[in-house]
Amino acid sequence: MKHQLVSLKIDCVTRLGRAIIGINLQFVRDGRIHLRTLAITEIDKGNTGENYRTMVLDTLRLYGLKLE
């Protein structure tokens, strides 16, 4: 993914008292759109923007991806 434009796709769902976040990476290679799921994680610290931010940044770090 180095020097490549990517789209980070984030989806959150709450159902029956459980909250889950999905973090996906979308990019174009060889003229085709590719989608890779980086994480599907249950949120156990509360549904706050700060918790979402931390989970996304931790996931990006896990894969060695930077926001630059």
PDB file of N, CA and C in Angstrom:
ATOM      1  N   MET A   1       0.810  -1.202   0.000  1.00  0.00           N
ATOM      2  CA  MET A   1       0.000   0.000   0.000  1.00  0.00           C
ATOM      3  C   MET A   1       0.851   1.263   0.000  1.00  0.00           C
ATOM      4  N   LYS A   2       2.166   1.100   0.014  1.00  0.00           N
ATOM      5  CA  LYS A   2       3.047   2.259   0.075  1.00  0.00           C
ATOM      6  C   LYS A   2       2.838   3.156  -1.135  1.00  0.00           C
ATOM      7  N   HIS A   3       2.651   4.453  -0.886  1.00  0.00           N
ATOM      8  CA  HIS A   3       2.455   5.474  -1.920  1.00  0.00           C
ATOM      9  C   HIS A   3       1.228   5.200  -2.779  1.00  0.00           C
ATOM     10  N   GLN A   4       0.235   4.574  -2.202  1.00  0.00           N
ATOM     11  CA  GLN A   4      -0.990   4.261  -2.940  1.00  0.00           C
ATOM     12  C   GLN A   4      -2.178   4.919  -2.230  1.00  0.00           C
ATOM     13  N   LEU A   5      -3.084   5.468  -3.019  1.00  0.00           N
ATOM     14  CA  LEU A   5      -4.291   6.072  -2.473  1.00  0.00           C
ATOM     15  C   LEU A   5      -5.252   4.960  -2.058  1.00  0.00           C
ATOM     16  N   VAL A   6      -5.706   5.019  -0.817  1.00  0.00           N
ATOM     17  CA  VAL A   6      -6.635   4.019  -0.312  1.00  0.00           C
ATOM     18  C   VAL A   6      -7.818   4.715   0.350  1.00  0.00           C
ATOM     19  N   SER A   7      -8.899   3.993   0.469  1.00  0.00           N
ATOM     20  CA  SER A   7     -10.083   4.494   1.158  1.00  0.00           C
ATOM     21  C   SER A   7     -10.316   3.606   2.374  1.00  0.00           C
ATOM     22  N   LEU A   8     -10.431   4.221   3.518  1.00  0.00           N
ATOM     23  CA  LEU A   8     -10.712   3.497   4.747  1.00  0.00           C
ATOM     24  C   LEU A   8     -12.219   3.505   4.950  1.00  0.00           C
ATOM     25  N   LYS A   9     -12.803   2.327   5.073  1.00  0.00           N
ATOM     26  CA  LYS A   9     -14.250   2.211   5.218  1.00  0.00           C
ATOM     27  C   LYS A   9     -14.535   1.647   6.604  1.00  0.00           C
ATOM     28  N   ILE A  10     -15.366   2.359   7.343  1.00  0.00           N
ATOM     29  CA  ILE A  10     -15.673   1.972   8.712  1.00  0.00           C
ATOM     30  C   ILE A  10     -17.180   1.838   8.864  1.00  0.00           C
ATOM     31  N   ASP A  11     -17.588   0.742   9.479  1.00  0.00           N
ATOM     32  CA  ASP A  11     -19.011   0.499   9.700  1.00  0.00           C
ATOM     33  C   ASP A  11     -19.202   0.026  11.131  1.00  0.00           C
ATOM     34  N   CYS A  12     -20.200   0.551  11.794  1.00  0.00           N
ATOM     35  CA  CYS A  12     -20.491   0.167  13.167  1.00  0.00           C
ATOM     36  C   CYS A  12     -21.946  -0.282  13.272  1.00  0.00           C
ATOM     37  N   VAL A  13     -22.182  -1.275  14.103  1.00  0.00           N
ATOM     38  CA  VAL A  13     -23.532  -1.769  14.304  1.00  0.00           C
ATOM     39  C   VAL A  13     -23.730  -2.067  15.788  1.00  0.00           C
ATOM     40  N   THR A  14     -24.933  -1.789  16.265  1.00  0.00           N
ATOM     41  CA  THR A  14     -25.316  -2.136  17.634  1.00  0.00           C
ATOM     42  C   THR A  14     -26.588  -2.946  17.558  1.00  0.00           C
ATOM     43  N   ARG A  15     -26.562  -4.105  18.204  1.00  0.00           N
ATOM     44  CA  ARG A  15     -27.737  -4.963  18.198  1.00  0.00           C
ATOM     45  C   ARG A  15     -27.722  -5.838  19.445  1.00  0.00           C
ATOM     46  N   LEU A  16     -28.875  -5.879  20.099  1.00  0.00           N
ATOM     47  CA  LEU A  16     -29.048  -6.719  21.284  1.00  0.00           C
ATOM     48  C   LEU A  16     -27.960  -6.484  22.336  1.00  0.00           C
ATOM     49  N   GLY A  17     -27.637  -5.216  22.525  1.00  0.00           N
ATOM     50  CA  GLY A  17     -26.677  -4.846  23.558  1.00  0.00           C
ATOM     51  C   GLY A  17     -25.216  -5.038  23.184  1.00  0.00           C
ATOM     52  N   ARG A  18     -24.932  -5.418  21.944  1.00  0.00           N
ATOM     53  CA  ARG A  18     -23.554  -5.600  21.496  1.00  0.00           C
ATOM     54  C   ARG A  18     -23.243  -4.574  20.410  1.00  0.00           C
ATOM     55  N   ALA A  19     -22.032  -4.050  20.443  1.00  0.00           N
ATOM     56  CA  ALA A  19     -21.588  -3.092  19.425  1.00  0.00           C
ATOM     57  C   ALA A  19     -20.355  -3.666  18.731  1.00  0.00           C
ATOM     58  N   ILE A  20     -20.349  -3.604  17.394  1.00  0.00           N
ATOM     59  CA  ILE A  20     -19.250  -4.157  16.604  1.00  0.00           C
ATOM     60  C   ILE A  20     -18.814  -3.127  15.571  1.00  0.00           C
ATOM     61  N   ILE A  21     -17.507  -3.031  15.367  1.00  0.00           N
ATOM     62  CA  ILE A  21     -16.952  -2.131  14.362  1.00  0.00           C
ATOM     63  C   ILE A  21     -16.228  -2.979  13.311  1.00  0.00           C
ATOM     64  N   GLY A  22     -16.442  -2.626  12.045  1.00  0.00           N
ATOM     65  CA  GLY A  22     -15.725  -3.254  10.945  1.00  0.00           C
ATOM     66  C   GLY A  22     -14.852  -2.207  10.275  1.00  0.00           C
ATOM     67  N   ILE A  23     -13.605  -2.557  10.036  1.00  0.00           N
ATOM     68  CA  ILE A  23     -12.656  -1.628   9.417  1.00  0.00           C
ATOM     69  C   ILE A  23     -12.133  -2.279   8.138  1.00  0.00           C
ATOM     70  N   ASN A  24     -12.373  -1.625   7.003  1.00  0.00           N
ATOM     71  CA  ASN A  24     -11.996  -2.158   5.696  1.00  0.00           C
ATOM     72  C   ASN A  24     -11.124  -1.171   4.944  1.00  0.00           C
ATOM     73  N   LEU A  25     -10.297  -1.706   4.070  1.00  0.00           N
ATOM     74  CA  LEU A  25      -9.424  -0.906   3.223  1.00  0.00           C
ATOM     75  C   LEU A  25      -9.823  -1.163   1.769  1.00  0.00           C
ATOM     76  N   GLN A  26     -10.058  -0.103   1.021  1.00  0.00           N
ATOM     77  CA  GLN A  26     -10.443  -0.223  -0.386  1.00  0.00           C
ATOM     78  C   GLN A  26      -9.387   0.480  -1.232  1.00  0.00           C
ATOM     79  N   PHE A  27      -8.982  -0.176  -2.325  1.00  0.00           N
ATOM     80  CA  PHE A  27      -7.966   0.400  -3.195  1.00  0.00           C
ATOM     81  C   PHE A  27      -8.157  -0.117  -4.618  1.00  0.00           C
ATOM     82  N   VAL A  28      -7.521   0.555  -5.574  1.00  0.00           N
ATOM     83  CA  VAL A  28      -7.591   0.154  -6.979  1.00  0.00           C
ATOM     84  C   VAL A  28      -6.245  -0.433  -7.375  1.00  0.00           C
ATOM     85  N   ARG A  29      -6.290  -1.617  -7.992  1.00  0.00           N
ATOM     86  CA  ARG A  29      -5.084  -2.258  -8.508  1.00  0.00           C
ATOM     87  C   ARG A  29      -5.440  -2.932  -9.826  1.00  0.00           C
ATOM     88  N   ASP A  30      -4.646  -2.678 -10.836  1.00  0.00           N
ATOM     89  CA  ASP A  30      -4.883  -3.247 -12.169  1.00  0.00           C
ATOM     90  C   ASP A  30      -6.276  -2.909 -12.694  1.00  0.00           C
ATOM     91  N   GLY A  31      -6.741  -1.698 -12.391  1.00  0.00           N
ATOM     92  CA  GLY A  31      -8.033  -1.233 -12.888  1.00  0.00           C
ATOM     93  C   GLY A  31      -9.237  -1.828 -12.176  1.00  0.00           C
ATOM     94  N   ARG A  32      -9.011  -2.567 -11.107  1.00  0.00           N
ATOM     95  CA  ARG A  32     -10.120  -3.188 -10.359  1.00  0.00           C
ATOM     96  C   ARG A  32     -10.118  -2.703  -8.915  1.00  0.00           C
ATOM     97  N   ILE A  33     -11.299  -2.573  -8.349  1.00  0.00           N
ATOM     98  CA  ILE A  33     -11.438  -2.167  -6.943  1.00  0.00           C
ATOM     99  C   ILE A  33     -11.290  -3.408  -6.070  1.00  0.00           C
ATOM    100  N   HIS A  34     -10.436  -3.295  -5.060  1.00  0.00           N
ATOM    101  CA  HIS A  34     -10.218  -4.383  -4.111  1.00  0.00           C
ATOM    102  C   HIS A  34     -10.635  -3.918  -2.720  1.00  0.00           C
ATOM    103  N   LEU A  35     -11.157  -4.819  -1.937  1.00  0.00           N
ATOM    104  CA  LEU A  35     -11.584  -4.523  -0.569  1.00  0.00           C
ATOM    105  C   LEU A  35     -10.973  -5.564   0.356  1.00  0.00           C
ATOM    106  N   ARG A  36     -10.314  -5.116   1.397  1.00  0.00           N
ATOM    107  CA  ARG A  36      -9.708  -6.006   2.376  1.00  0.00           C
ATOM    108  C   ARG A  36     -10.239  -5.652   3.760  1.00  0.00           C
ATOM    109  N   THR A  37     -10.723  -6.626   4.464  1.00  0.00           N
ATOM    110  CA  THR A  37     -11.184  -6.417   5.836  1.00  0.00           C
ATOM    111  C   THR A  37      -9.982  -6.485   6.757  1.00  0.00           C
ATOM    112  N   LEU A  38      -9.768  -5.414   7.508  1.00  0.00           N
ATOM    113  CA  LEU A  38      -8.644  -5.358   8.444  1.00  0.00           C
ATOM    114  C   LEU A  38      -9.050  -5.825   9.836  1.00  0.00           C
ATOM    115  N   ALA A  39     -10.290  -5.543  10.231  1.00  0.00           N
ATOM    116  CA  ALA A  39     -10.728  -5.928  11.574  1.00  0.00           C
ATOM    117  C   ALA A  39     -12.251  -5.932  11.668  1.00  0.00           C
ATOM    118  N   ILE A  40     -12.740  -6.856  12.446  1.00  0.00           N
ATOM    119  CA  ILE A  40     -14.129  -6.858  12.898  1.00  0.00           C
ATOM    120  C   ILE A  40     -14.029  -7.107  14.396  1.00  0.00           C
ATOM    121  N   THR A  41     -14.327  -6.078  15.172  1.00  0.00           N
ATOM    122  CA  THR A  41     -14.054  -6.113  16.601  1.00  0.00           C
ATOM    123  C   THR A  41     -15.262  -5.682  17.412  1.00  0.00           C
ATOM    124  N   GLU A  42     -15.507  -6.388  18.491  1.00  0.00           N
ATOM    125  CA  GLU A  42     -16.574  -5.973  19.404  1.00  0.00           C
ATOM    126  C   GLU A  42     -16.078  -4.807  20.246  1.00  0.00           C
ATOM    127  N   ILE A  43     -16.921  -3.814  20.384  1.00  0.00           N
ATOM    128  CA  ILE A  43     -16.583  -2.610  21.145  1.00  0.00           C
ATOM    129  C   ILE A  43     -17.019  -2.840  22.580  1.00  0.00           C
ATOM    130  N   ASP A  44     -16.051  -2.895  23.488  1.00  0.00           N
ATOM    131  CA  ASP A  44     -16.380  -3.165  24.883  1.00  0.00           C
ATOM    132  C   ASP A  44     -16.105  -1.982  25.800  1.00  0.00           C
ATOM    133  N   LYS A  45     -15.641  -0.863  25.223  1.00  0.00           N
ATOM    134  CA  LYS A  45     -15.298   0.306  26.034  1.00  0.00           C
ATOM    135  C   LYS A  45     -16.295   1.444  25.897  1.00  0.00           C
ATOM    136  N   GLY A  46     -17.397   1.225  25.204  1.00  0.00           N
ATOM    137  CA  GLY A  46     -18.384   2.286  25.030  1.00  0.00           C
ATOM    138  C   GLY A  46     -18.374   2.853  23.629  1.00  0.00           C
ATOM    139  N   ASN A  47     -19.530   3.291  23.169  1.00  0.00           N
ATOM    140  CA  ASN A  47     -19.694   3.844  21.823  1.00  0.00           C
ATOM    141  C   ASN A  47     -19.361   5.329  21.808  1.00  0.00           C
ATOM    142  N   THR A  48     -18.086   5.647  21.849  1.00  0.00           N
ATOM    143  CA  THR A  48     -17.681   7.047  21.786  1.00  0.00           C
ATOM    144  C   THR A  48     -16.751   7.252  20.598  1.00  0.00           C
ATOM    145  N   GLY A  49     -16.712   8.449  20.102  1.00  0.00           N
ATOM    146  CA  GLY A  49     -15.833   8.781  18.995  1.00  0.00           C
ATOM    147  C   GLY A  49     -14.376   8.516  19.327  1.00  0.00           C
ATOM    148  N   GLU A  50     -13.983   8.812  20.547  1.00  0.00           N
ATOM    149  CA  GLU A  50     -12.591   8.586  20.959  1.00  0.00           C
ATOM    150  C   GLU A  50     -12.246   7.099  20.941  1.00  0.00           C
ATOM    151  N   ASN A  51     -13.162   6.241  21.380  1.00  0.00           N
ATOM    152  CA  ASN A  51     -12.911   4.797  21.342  1.00  0.00           C
ATOM    153  C   ASN A  51     -12.819   4.293  19.903  1.00  0.00           C
ATOM    154  N   TYR A  52     -13.686   4.804  19.025  1.00  0.00           N
ATOM    155  CA  TYR A  52     -13.613   4.426  17.611  1.00  0.00           C
ATOM    156  C   TYR A  52     -12.269   4.846  17.025  1.00  0.00           C
ATOM    157  N   ARG A  53     -11.872   6.060  17.320  1.00  0.00           N
ATOM    158  CA  ARG A  53     -10.604   6.588  16.799  1.00  0.00           C
ATOM    159  C   ARG A  53      -9.441   5.705  17.239  1.00  0.00           C
ATOM    160  N   THR A  54      -9.406   5.351  18.508  1.00  0.00           N
ATOM    161  CA  THR A  54      -8.337   4.506  19.042  1.00  0.00           C
ATOM    162  C   THR A  54      -8.313   3.142  18.356  1.00  0.00           C
ATOM    163  N   MET A  55      -9.491   2.549  18.158  1.00  0.00           N
ATOM    164  CA  MET A  55      -9.558   1.234  17.519  1.00  0.00           C
ATOM    165  C   MET A  55      -9.076   1.295  16.070  1.00  0.00           C
ATOM    166  N   VAL A  56      -9.444   2.341  15.360  1.00  0.00           N
ATOM    167  CA  VAL A  56      -9.018   2.484  13.967  1.00  0.00           C
ATOM    168  C   VAL A  56      -7.507   2.685  13.896  1.00  0.00           C
ATOM    169  N   LEU A  57      -6.970   3.578  14.702  1.00  0.00           N
ATOM    170  CA  LEU A  57      -5.526   3.835  14.675  1.00  0.00           C
ATOM    171  C   LEU A  57      -4.732   2.606  15.107  1.00  0.00           C
ATOM    172  N   ASP A  58      -5.216   1.864  16.099  1.00  0.00           N
ATOM    173  CA  ASP A  58      -4.543   0.633  16.526  1.00  0.00           C
ATOM    174  C   ASP A  58      -4.535  -0.399  15.405  1.00  0.00           C
ATOM    175  N   THR A  59      -5.636  -0.509  14.681  1.00  0.00           N
ATOM    176  CA  THR A  59      -5.720  -1.457  13.566  1.00  0.00           C
ATOM    177  C   THR A  59      -4.756  -1.059  12.454  1.00  0.00           C
ATOM    178  N   LEU A  60      -4.697   0.221  12.125  1.00  0.00           N
ATOM    179  CA  LEU A  60      -3.774   0.685  11.088  1.00  0.00           C
ATOM    180  C   LEU A  60      -2.328   0.404  11.486  1.00  0.00           C
ATOM    181  N   ARG A  61      -2.000   0.644  12.753  1.00  0.00           N
ATOM    182  CA  ARG A  61      -0.646   0.369  13.245  1.00  0.00           C
ATOM    183  C   ARG A  61      -0.320  -1.124  13.144  1.00  0.00           C
ATOM    184  N   LEU A  62      -1.289  -1.971  13.444  1.00  0.00           N
ATOM    185  CA  LEU A  62      -1.111  -3.414  13.377  1.00  0.00           C
ATOM    186  C   LEU A  62      -0.664  -3.857  11.988  1.00  0.00           C
ATOM    187  N   TYR A  63      -1.173  -3.190  10.954  1.00  0.00           N
ATOM    188  CA  TYR A  63      -0.839  -3.511   9.567  1.00  0.00           C
ATOM    189  C   TYR A  63       0.292  -2.642   9.010  1.00  0.00           C
ATOM    190  N   GLY A  64       0.853  -1.772   9.840  1.00  0.00           N
ATOM    191  CA  GLY A  64       1.941  -0.912   9.383  1.00  0.00           C
ATOM    192  C   GLY A  64       1.491   0.193   8.444  1.00  0.00           C
ATOM    193  N   LEU A  65       0.226   0.588   8.521  1.00  0.00           N
ATOM    194  CA  LEU A  65      -0.308   1.645   7.664  1.00  0.00           C
ATOM    195  C   LEU A  65      -0.255   2.978   8.400  1.00  0.00           C
ATOM    196  N   LYS A  66       0.140   4.024   7.678  1.00  0.00           N
ATOM    197  CA  LYS A  66       0.226   5.364   8.259  1.00  0.00           C
ATOM    198  C   LYS A  66      -0.792   6.271   7.601  1.00  0.00           C
ATOM    199  N   LEU A  67      -1.188   7.328   8.296  1.00  0.00           N
ATOM    200  CA  LEU A  67      -2.195   8.259   7.785  1.00  0.00           C
ATOM    201  C   LEU A  67      -1.612   9.286   6.800  1.00  0.00           C
ATOM    202  N   GLU A  68      -0.331   9.272   6.590  1.00  0.00           N
ATOM    203  CA  GLU A  68       0.329  10.267   5.736  1.00  0.00           C
ATOM    204  C   GLU A  68      -0.029  10.099   4.290  1.00  0.00           C
TER     205      GLU A  68
END
